[in-house]
Amino acid sequence: MGQKSPRIREWLVSARAALWREIVDLCRWLLIVPLAVLTSYGFIYWVLTCLSGEPLSIQQVAGRLREAFFGGQVLVAVLSGFVGFALEKWRKAAEAEKYRAERRLAVLQELEQLSNALEQKRYGEATTLYRLFRERCSRGGVWEDLSLQEIVQSIWERKSPPPLQTWTALVEGSQQPEPTLLILEALAWGHRLDLRNWKEKGRELVGQLVAPAHLKDLVRLFEQAPEAQRSLLRLEIIGERLEELEKSAGEDRKQYLATLQNWRKRPPLGIPLPWESIRRPSDPPGFAEWLRQWGFCENPFGPEIAEVDPALSRYGCWPPFLEPVRGSRPAMVLGRSGS
């Protein structure tokens, strides 16, 4: 309840202000409208008496108006005020609903940018958009009123890869760094795609992960990991953290640090290109004749030297079986500072 009380107070203040606005509007309609109706009635009555040749004085017209207060005219005036108040409220509600629908449509079109960026594997741009939309939802206004935070989160969880989701959870503090391969991979993605948050959070997260209590688990983790995953140890910030721990580590932990440093200092193995595991289907019958008719010298979809074929710039396209390797992928450039 302690956390909700500020919001309850804000709601009470806004509700009280809204109530006063409604009371003022009602008084305006019940006082101004009846007065305007009676004034119009008196003016019309005076004009008619002038046209009949027996004009009344202002005092006489006022007397007739006083008599009207004891007749049905005052009831008509009051009812007119109520009807006007109701119509005004209906008009404002309709305008507010129309504005809300237009704003929701515009915001949903903005959210398409996040969905498209994730589908096209532009993860750096998608991470920036996700952070921007989350900030807008937290600031209130139309984004909070339209309950768009659930939509943003749904798009992110359905279309972003697990390492990127883990990285954003680490930055937001909803997940703690633990010695798992997914966490290490998430750090690599953050280092590659989210430089601003990496500068702010990277050293803190690495410090929590590469901690004395986790050294044994990290060694066990990398013993089971393939050599390509051990390249994550070559992040400069991890090397600095290991050197920092070596200065104050006891004998029981120095061997774990030495093992991690040895893996870190090994020359990296050649990591296979992502498309090397994909096998190209055999050419269909008559494909060579089609290539000749199109003006190609080599098969542009094969492992030949089609990239030097001048016709490739006019006819080049990607076959469906290469679609999984076309998108952006995290990469690390390893080496000493300034190299």
Protein backbone atom coordinates (compact mmCIF):
# COMPACT_ATOMS: atom_id res chain seq x y z
CA MET A 1 0.00 0.00 0.00
CA GLY A 2 2.92 2.31 0.66
CA GLN A 3 3.88 2.26 -3.02
CA LYS A 4 0.30 2.78 -4.20
CA SER A 5 -0.56 5.68 -1.91
CA PRO A 6 1.17 8.35 -4.06
CA ARG A 7 -0.80 7.19 -7.09
CA ILE A 8 -4.01 7.14 -5.05
CA ARG A 9 -3.32 10.70 -3.91
CA GLU A 10 -2.70 11.78 -7.50
CA TRP A 11 -5.96 10.14 -8.56
CA LEU A 12 -7.90 11.88 -5.75
CA VAL A 13 -6.45 15.27 -6.71
CA SER A 14 -7.31 14.78 -10.39
CA ALA A 15 -10.79 13.44 -9.51
CA ARG A 16 -11.50 16.44 -7.28
CA ALA A 17 -10.38 18.83 -10.02
CA ALA A 18 -12.57 17.03 -12.56
CA LEU A 19 -15.56 17.20 -10.18
CA TRP A 20 -15.15 20.95 -9.73
CA ARG A 21 -14.96 21.39 -13.51
CA GLU A 22 -18.23 19.50 -13.92
CA ILE A 23 -19.92 21.59 -11.20
CA VAL A 24 -18.77 24.84 -12.84
CA ASP A 25 -20.04 23.63 -16.23
CA LEU A 26 -23.41 22.68 -14.75
CA CYS A 27 -23.76 26.06 -13.00
CA ARG A 28 -22.82 27.80 -16.21
CA TRP A 29 -25.53 26.01 -18.12
CA LEU A 30 -28.18 26.39 -15.39
CA LEU A 31 -27.51 30.12 -14.82
CA ILE A 32 -26.30 31.57 -18.10
CA VAL A 33 -28.62 29.64 -20.41
CA PRO A 34 -31.84 30.40 -18.45
CA LEU A 35 -30.80 34.06 -18.16
CA ALA A 36 -30.15 34.21 -21.89
CA VAL A 37 -33.52 32.58 -22.62
CA LEU A 38 -35.42 35.01 -20.38
CA THR A 39 -33.54 38.01 -21.77
CA SER A 40 -34.34 36.91 -25.31
CA TYR A 41 -37.97 36.42 -24.32
CA GLY A 42 -38.13 39.94 -22.86
CA PHE A 43 -36.48 41.51 -25.91
CA ILE A 44 -38.82 39.75 -28.32
CA TYR A 45 -41.81 40.78 -26.19
CA TRP A 46 -40.64 44.42 -26.23
CA VAL A 47 -40.15 44.37 -30.02
CA LEU A 48 -43.65 42.98 -30.51
CA THR A 49 -45.15 45.71 -28.33
CA CYS A 50 -43.26 48.32 -30.35
CA LEU A 51 -44.63 46.88 -33.58
CA SER A 52 -48.16 46.94 -32.18
CA GLY A 53 -47.85 50.67 -31.49
CA GLU A 54 -47.94 50.36 -27.71
CA PRO A 55 -44.29 50.05 -26.66
CA LEU A 56 -43.59 49.14 -23.05
CA SER A 57 -40.96 50.70 -20.86
CA ILE A 58 -38.02 48.76 -19.49
CA GLN A 59 -39.70 48.66 -16.09
CA GLN A 60 -42.85 47.18 -17.62
CA VAL A 61 -40.86 44.55 -19.52
CA ALA A 62 -39.00 43.67 -16.29
CA GLY A 63 -42.36 43.30 -14.54
CA ARG A 64 -43.56 40.95 -17.25
CA LEU A 65 -40.35 38.94 -16.80
CA ARG A 66 -40.98 38.72 -13.06
CA GLU A 67 -44.43 37.38 -13.84
CA ALA A 68 -42.80 34.87 -16.16
CA PHE A 69 -40.81 33.46 -13.25
CA PHE A 70 -44.10 32.26 -11.82
CA GLY A 71 -45.18 30.70 -15.10
CA GLY A 72 -43.94 27.92 -17.34
CA GLN A 73 -41.23 29.97 -19.05
CA VAL A 74 -38.76 29.53 -16.20
CA LEU A 75 -39.24 25.76 -16.36
CA VAL A 76 -38.55 25.86 -20.09
CA ALA A 77 -35.41 27.91 -19.44
CA VAL A 78 -34.12 25.51 -16.79
CA LEU A 79 -34.85 22.50 -18.97
CA SER A 80 -33.02 24.22 -21.81
CA GLY A 81 -30.01 24.56 -19.54
CA PHE A 82 -30.06 20.87 -18.68
CA VAL A 83 -30.42 19.87 -22.34
CA GLY A 84 -27.58 22.18 -23.33
CA PHE A 85 -25.36 20.77 -20.58
CA ALA A 86 -26.06 17.20 -21.70
CA LEU A 87 -25.41 18.00 -25.36
CA GLU A 88 -22.15 19.74 -24.49
CA LYS A 89 -20.98 16.74 -22.45
CA TRP A 90 -21.88 14.39 -25.31
CA ARG A 91 -20.00 16.56 -27.81
CA LYS A 92 -16.88 16.66 -25.65
CA ALA A 93 -17.00 12.90 -25.06
CA ALA A 94 -17.35 12.24 -28.81
CA GLU A 95 -14.41 14.54 -29.60
CA ALA A 96 -12.28 12.90 -26.89
CA GLU A 97 -13.07 9.41 -28.24
CA LYS A 98 -12.26 10.50 -31.79
CA TYR A 99 -8.98 12.03 -30.66
CA ARG A 100 -8.15 8.90 -28.68
CA ALA A 101 -8.81 6.67 -31.72
CA GLU A 102 -6.65 8.87 -33.96
CA ARG A 103 -3.80 8.91 -31.46
CA ARG A 104 -4.01 5.16 -30.98
CA LEU A 105 -3.81 4.60 -34.74
CA ALA A 106 -0.81 6.93 -35.01
CA VAL A 107 0.97 5.21 -32.12
CA LEU A 108 0.28 1.74 -33.53
CA GLN A 109 1.85 2.88 -36.79
CA GLU A 110 4.92 3.90 -34.80
CA LEU A 111 5.02 0.47 -33.18
CA GLU A 112 5.21 -1.05 -36.66
CA GLN A 113 8.75 0.35 -36.83
CA LEU A 114 9.77 -1.88 -33.92
CA SER A 115 8.10 -4.93 -35.45
CA ASN A 116 9.69 -4.32 -38.86
CA ALA A 117 13.15 -3.75 -37.37
CA LEU A 118 12.98 -7.08 -35.51
CA GLU A 119 11.66 -8.95 -38.54
CA GLN A 120 14.45 -7.52 -40.70
CA LYS A 121 17.03 -8.32 -37.97
CA ARG A 122 18.07 -4.69 -37.51
CA TYR A 123 18.61 -5.38 -33.84
CA GLY A 124 20.53 -2.21 -32.98
CA GLU A 125 17.70 -0.03 -34.25
CA ALA A 126 15.12 -2.31 -32.62
CA THR A 127 16.84 -2.02 -29.24
CA THR A 128 16.80 1.78 -29.47
CA LEU A 129 13.12 1.83 -30.44
CA TYR A 130 12.18 -0.59 -27.65
CA ARG A 131 13.91 1.58 -25.05
CA LEU A 132 12.27 4.73 -26.48
CA PHE A 133 8.77 3.22 -26.42
CA ARG A 134 9.22 1.91 -22.88
CA GLU A 135 10.26 5.39 -21.71
CA ARG A 136 7.18 6.91 -23.35
CA CYS A 137 4.92 4.40 -21.61
CA SER A 138 6.49 5.15 -18.23
CA ARG A 139 6.15 8.94 -18.65
CA GLY A 140 2.37 8.72 -18.85
CA GLY A 141 0.26 10.66 -21.30
CA VAL A 142 -1.35 9.06 -24.32
CA TRP A 143 1.00 6.04 -24.29
CA GLU A 144 -0.01 5.10 -20.75
CA ASP A 145 -3.68 5.96 -21.31
CA LEU A 146 -3.89 3.61 -24.30
CA SER A 147 -2.30 0.71 -22.38
CA LEU A 148 0.39 0.36 -25.03
CA GLN A 149 3.05 -1.05 -22.72
CA GLU A 150 1.53 -4.53 -23.08
CA ILE A 151 1.65 -4.24 -26.88
CA VAL A 152 5.29 -3.09 -26.87
CA GLN A 153 6.26 -5.94 -24.55
CA SER A 154 4.34 -8.48 -26.62
CA ILE A 155 6.11 -7.46 -29.85
CA TRP A 156 9.48 -7.58 -28.13
CA GLU A 157 8.95 -11.00 -26.55
CA ARG A 158 7.58 -12.58 -29.73
CA LYS A 159 10.12 -11.29 -32.25
CA SER A 160 13.41 -10.50 -30.51
CA PRO A 161 16.04 -13.25 -30.04
CA PRO A 162 16.59 -14.60 -26.48
CA PRO A 163 20.08 -13.05 -26.02
CA LEU A 164 18.71 -9.60 -26.83
CA GLN A 165 15.77 -10.07 -24.46
CA THR A 166 18.18 -11.17 -21.75
CA TRP A 167 20.39 -8.13 -22.34
CA THR A 168 17.48 -5.69 -21.95
CA ALA A 169 16.36 -7.54 -18.81
CA LEU A 170 19.87 -7.16 -17.38
CA VAL A 171 19.94 -3.44 -18.18
CA GLU A 172 16.50 -2.90 -16.63
CA GLY A 173 17.47 -4.86 -13.53
CA SER A 174 14.67 -7.40 -13.86
CA GLN A 175 17.26 -10.19 -14.21
CA GLN A 176 20.53 -10.70 -12.35
CA PRO A 177 23.73 -11.83 -14.11
CA GLU A 178 24.41 -15.50 -13.44
CA PRO A 179 27.11 -17.80 -14.85
CA THR A 180 25.16 -19.17 -17.81
CA LEU A 181 26.02 -19.23 -21.47
CA LEU A 182 22.92 -17.19 -22.29
CA ILE A 183 24.05 -14.40 -19.97
CA LEU A 184 27.51 -14.34 -21.57
CA GLU A 185 25.97 -14.30 -25.02
CA ALA A 186 23.65 -11.49 -23.92
CA LEU A 187 26.67 -9.45 -22.81
CA ALA A 188 28.23 -9.99 -26.22
CA TRP A 189 25.04 -8.76 -27.91
CA GLY A 190 24.88 -5.72 -25.66
CA HIS A 191 28.54 -4.93 -26.35
CA ARG A 192 27.88 -5.14 -30.08
CA LEU A 193 24.43 -3.55 -30.47
CA ASP A 194 23.71 -1.28 -27.51
CA LEU A 195 26.79 0.83 -26.99
CA ARG A 196 25.12 3.51 -24.87
CA ASN A 197 23.79 1.09 -22.27
CA TRP A 198 26.99 -0.95 -22.48
CA LYS A 199 28.98 2.11 -21.39
CA GLU A 200 26.58 2.69 -18.51
CA LYS A 201 25.92 -0.90 -17.39
CA GLY A 202 28.54 -3.15 -18.99
CA ARG A 203 31.24 -2.79 -16.35
CA GLU A 204 28.73 -3.18 -13.52
CA LEU A 205 27.21 -6.34 -15.04
CA VAL A 206 30.60 -7.89 -15.77
CA GLY A 207 31.66 -7.08 -12.21
CA GLN A 208 28.61 -8.91 -10.85
CA LEU A 209 29.11 -11.89 -13.16
CA VAL A 210 32.88 -12.33 -12.95
CA ALA A 211 32.84 -12.36 -9.16
CA PRO A 212 34.85 -14.55 -6.76
CA ALA A 213 31.75 -16.58 -5.90
CA HIS A 214 31.14 -17.40 -9.59
CA LEU A 215 34.66 -18.32 -10.71
CA LYS A 216 34.21 -22.07 -10.24
CA ASP A 217 30.89 -22.02 -12.10
CA LEU A 218 32.40 -19.99 -14.94
CA VAL A 219 35.24 -22.49 -15.36
CA ARG A 220 32.76 -25.38 -15.40
CA LEU A 221 30.63 -23.49 -17.90
CA PHE A 222 33.47 -22.84 -20.34
CA GLU A 223 34.76 -26.40 -20.00
CA GLN A 224 31.48 -27.58 -21.51
CA ALA A 225 31.21 -24.75 -24.04
CA PRO A 226 32.55 -25.01 -27.59
CA GLU A 227 35.73 -23.14 -28.43
CA ALA A 228 33.80 -20.50 -30.33
CA GLN A 229 31.88 -19.56 -27.18
CA ARG A 230 35.11 -19.14 -25.22
CA SER A 231 35.86 -16.15 -27.42
CA LEU A 232 33.42 -14.25 -25.19
CA LEU A 233 36.20 -14.24 -22.61
CA ARG A 234 38.25 -12.02 -24.90
CA LEU A 235 36.08 -9.00 -24.20
CA GLU A 236 38.48 -6.37 -22.89
CA ILE A 237 36.25 -5.51 -19.95
CA ILE A 238 36.29 -9.17 -18.81
CA GLY A 239 40.08 -9.25 -19.06
CA GLU A 240 40.32 -6.15 -16.88
CA ARG A 241 37.98 -7.73 -14.33
CA LEU A 242 40.06 -10.94 -14.20
CA GLU A 243 43.25 -8.94 -13.66
CA GLU A 244 41.54 -6.99 -10.88
CA LEU A 245 40.51 -10.22 -9.11
CA GLU A 246 44.01 -11.69 -9.41
CA LYS A 247 45.38 -8.96 -7.15
CA SER A 248 43.29 -10.03 -4.14
CA ALA A 249 42.39 -13.67 -4.88
CA GLY A 250 43.30 -16.49 -2.54
CA GLU A 251 45.16 -19.61 -3.60
CA ASP A 252 41.95 -21.61 -4.07
CA ARG A 253 40.62 -19.10 -6.60
CA LYS A 254 43.84 -18.29 -8.40
CA GLN A 255 43.70 -21.59 -10.27
CA TYR A 256 40.24 -20.73 -11.63
CA LEU A 257 41.48 -17.29 -12.66
CA ALA A 258 44.52 -18.85 -14.32
CA THR A 259 42.31 -21.25 -16.29
CA LEU A 260 40.07 -18.41 -17.48
CA GLN A 261 43.09 -16.30 -18.42
CA ASN A 262 44.63 -19.19 -20.37
CA TRP A 263 41.45 -19.64 -22.36
CA ARG A 264 41.27 -15.91 -22.89
CA LYS A 265 44.84 -15.64 -24.20
CA ARG A 266 44.62 -18.56 -26.61
CA PRO A 267 44.70 -17.53 -30.26
CA PRO A 268 41.16 -17.64 -31.61
CA LEU A 269 40.25 -20.53 -33.83
CA GLY A 270 38.76 -19.93 -37.21
CA ILE A 271 35.05 -19.58 -36.62
CA PRO A 272 33.09 -21.02 -39.56
CA LEU A 273 30.98 -18.63 -41.54
CA PRO A 274 27.27 -18.96 -40.75
CA TRP A 275 26.38 -20.17 -44.22
CA GLU A 276 28.99 -22.94 -44.39
CA SER A 277 26.61 -25.41 -42.77
CA ILE A 278 23.95 -24.78 -45.43
CA ARG A 279 23.99 -27.17 -48.36
CA ARG A 280 22.92 -25.86 -51.73
CA PRO A 281 20.32 -27.99 -53.51
CA SER A 282 21.36 -29.62 -56.76
CA ASP A 283 20.70 -27.65 -59.94
CA PRO A 284 17.44 -28.71 -61.61
CA PRO A 285 17.56 -30.28 -65.07
CA GLY A 286 18.20 -27.75 -67.79
CA PHE A 287 19.56 -25.12 -65.39
CA ALA A 288 22.78 -24.72 -67.37
CA GLU A 289 20.77 -23.83 -70.47
CA TRP A 290 18.75 -21.27 -68.50
CA LEU A 291 21.97 -19.67 -67.26
CA ARG A 292 23.23 -19.39 -70.82
CA GLN A 293 19.97 -17.78 -71.96
CA TRP A 294 20.09 -15.28 -69.07
CA GLY A 295 23.64 -14.34 -69.97
CA PHE A 296 25.38 -15.78 -66.89
CA CYS A 297 28.72 -17.52 -67.08
CA GLU A 298 28.37 -19.23 -63.68
CA ASN A 299 25.54 -20.22 -61.35
CA PRO A 300 24.94 -17.14 -59.10
CA PHE A 301 23.46 -19.42 -56.44
CA GLY A 302 26.39 -21.78 -56.32
CA PRO A 303 29.90 -21.86 -54.83
CA GLU A 304 31.52 -20.78 -58.08
CA ILE A 305 32.93 -17.36 -58.95
CA ALA A 306 29.62 -15.78 -59.90
CA GLU A 307 30.44 -12.67 -57.85
CA VAL A 308 32.70 -11.51 -60.69
CA ASP A 309 30.02 -12.04 -63.33
CA PRO A 310 28.98 -8.61 -64.70
CA ALA A 311 25.38 -9.80 -65.13
CA LEU A 312 25.02 -10.38 -61.38
CA SER A 313 24.36 -6.70 -60.68
CA ARG A 314 21.33 -6.84 -62.98
CA TYR A 315 19.87 -10.21 -62.10
CA GLY A 316 21.30 -11.03 -58.67
CA CYS A 317 18.88 -12.21 -56.00
CA TRP A 318 18.91 -14.36 -52.87
CA PRO A 319 17.37 -17.84 -52.93
CA PRO A 320 15.05 -18.79 -50.05
CA PHE A 321 17.44 -21.34 -48.53
CA LEU A 322 19.94 -18.53 -47.78
CA GLU A 323 17.37 -16.40 -45.93
CA PRO A 324 18.45 -17.55 -42.41
CA VAL A 325 21.98 -16.19 -42.89
CA ARG A 326 21.17 -12.81 -44.45
CA GLY A 327 20.28 -10.96 -41.26
CA SER A 328 22.54 -9.09 -38.86
CA ARG A 329 24.49 -11.17 -36.38
CA PRO A 330 26.50 -10.17 -33.31
CA ALA A 331 30.21 -9.98 -33.87
CA MET A 332 33.23 -9.24 -31.70
CA VAL A 333 36.47 -7.62 -32.76
CA LEU A 334 39.15 -8.69 -30.29
CA GLY A 335 42.49 -7.10 -29.60
CA ARG A 336 44.34 -4.67 -27.43
CA SER A 337 43.25 -1.06 -27.09
CA GLY A 338 44.47 1.02 -30.00
CA SER A 339 45.36 -1.96 -32.16
